[in-house]
């Protein structure tokens, strides 16, 4: 009997005395009151709520399923593991397998045995288990008229034989345990009944006698001193008997005889939903001390509970996440106080600790999310049953949706808004097709196309996103001006222009966070400097280049300024950079093999590139021969490493001779500007050499 003594310690439930109860009264006194952090409807009659409570022993996250039993479309069901008892499953697996939109764990069970709930249960309208004979435990039931009750329940079962004899049935689909307070072992001197919701060939004690009863009440087989080596056949019943119960069977139930079986939950209220629990957490609207044995239940743990309103029309399922980095868990008294806070009339403790888990299909989503992590972020414990929320209503048109998009924009910016999730009037998740939605400006501060919006004025804008079914969601957007930007930049579709050229300018802005965005050209003032011209919306007409080599297009927004340089088609414009092999000629970039360099404080530039790029010719045969240059009516002859050159037949002295660097002839800028008739500027900050010459 050592095994039975050990199990007796696990399963026997005794009342505790007032001292232990007093230790938990007031234990949940908190620094702050609990408060709701969010809510969303997930199915007809069901709202998922999140609550937070900073207690004196740490923060607690509560996830709540609030059910309105006045809603005729509320669909609440109890699920047995993988479909039958003894076949356990995790909460997410049960939800996934049955199509639930929310699921949490249910009744207590003995993890060491086959796997059946301690309390009563109904599965698909069929009584699946009876309440254990344990004093002071409560169960949750919902009647056919949709009224919820939490009360102590018992089982009334019996077998009546064809000769009129009868014997009580102790329980339905039970693992062995000890009655409380009598201490009697459940499967000794009793009849235990099993129906086809028991999914194992292992039942009770393997050495007990079993009787197979057909659907019509016929005694089909008897296995004496051993259980049948098979599961309960569909539609049939197995009675397991021992001691005086076996004596009764031997005397009154021969094979082939008929029996009548009754099986009833007391009180009989025409139940349509049943799940077992443990002791009360709250009663008459207030927390009550937990009066059952706390040896395996005390402490700060993950918790699961159920509660009802005084009229029985509101039902709450509550999970407190425990021993994670975001939630320490709850004491039993804390759960009672929390039920008070919710406004519950009566609440009962359900299985907790490692069994506590809740998954929810958030509004508009098609997949389940874990909202209560397993205790300690540990493994998901398979449990015997789960309480599921379902949505069996027909799917309809879009009734609501959630949106995405910016809360703040800079003037001129274009941003996309989106529809992230959509649902119908019964909270079914719907597929989102962006083409089925449109955006409009309420205050007229911008323009829209599809779900794109361009901000054209500063201030507070409201944009409406509307579905094809006519449902509208409004979003407020704060549109800021120059204070939201650090700089402007202008690009043009052409660099070289002539009188009458029309230039298209593109405007960019750098936001304060460093990101650059395209800006609508309508939000700035456009002007032309150097050249003369005018325009708006990014299209600028050059009226006259005024014989200048360069001009500018300028965009201004308040104190911000962006500009783009233009070149006159009557000139050749060449930009080179010290040490850089990229150069620009008339707005187009090219690559050279020898960049400009600085030698003895003199800026040296490639002679052939400059001359030929600007329309001249260079002849040179070898290092010993002179270099001949024909440019714009000028004829120049110079020799490497010599300070004397001949320009148009006249000797000219220079302080820095032409030099060969990287097989390229470099000459000082001064020589180019003074003897080739070119205008040259040097920008020290960018190290850019700009050369300009008439074509």
Foldseek 3Di string as FASTA:
>chain_A
DVVQVVQQVVFAKDFDDPVVLVVLVVPFAAPDDKDWDDWDAAFFQWIWTWIWGQTPVGIWIKIKIKGFLVGPQWDKFKAFAVRFFLNFHFQQVRCVVVVFQKKWDFADDDPVDSADHQDWWAHPNHTRKHHAQEPAWWKWFAAPSRFIDIDDKGKFKKKAFPVGDMFTARMEPDAWYAHPPVRHISQAQHKYKYAQSHQAQDHHDQQFKKWKAALQQFGADIRHRGGDNDGRPHNIMMITHHDNRVVVCVVGHDGGTGMDMDIAMPPHRRTPTMTTFGHWQAAQLAGDRGTMDCPPPFDFAWWWKKFAAPRRRMIMIMIIADQEPRRPHDGSNSVRVVCSVVRTRIMGTRDTHQRTWMWRQGQQHDGIDTPHAGHNNDDRDTHGMMMGTHHPDDADDWDDFDKDDDQEEEAQFKTFMGTDGTGHPRRDHDDDDLQQKAKDKPVPQWDGDRRMTHGHDFAKTKMWIAGNVGDIDIGIHGYHYCVQFDAKAKDWPFAEDAAFDKIAIWIWTQGPVGDIGTGFQQNWAKAKAQFHWHDGRRIITGRHNPPDQKIWIWTDTPPHIYIDIHGYPQKWKKKFAEPAQWIDIRHDIDGDPDGWHADPNFIWGFDQCVQVSRPKDWDDDDLVAWIWIGHPNWIKTFHAPAQWIAINNRIDGDPGGWHQDPNTTIDTPVCCVVRRVWDWDADPVRRMIMIMDGD
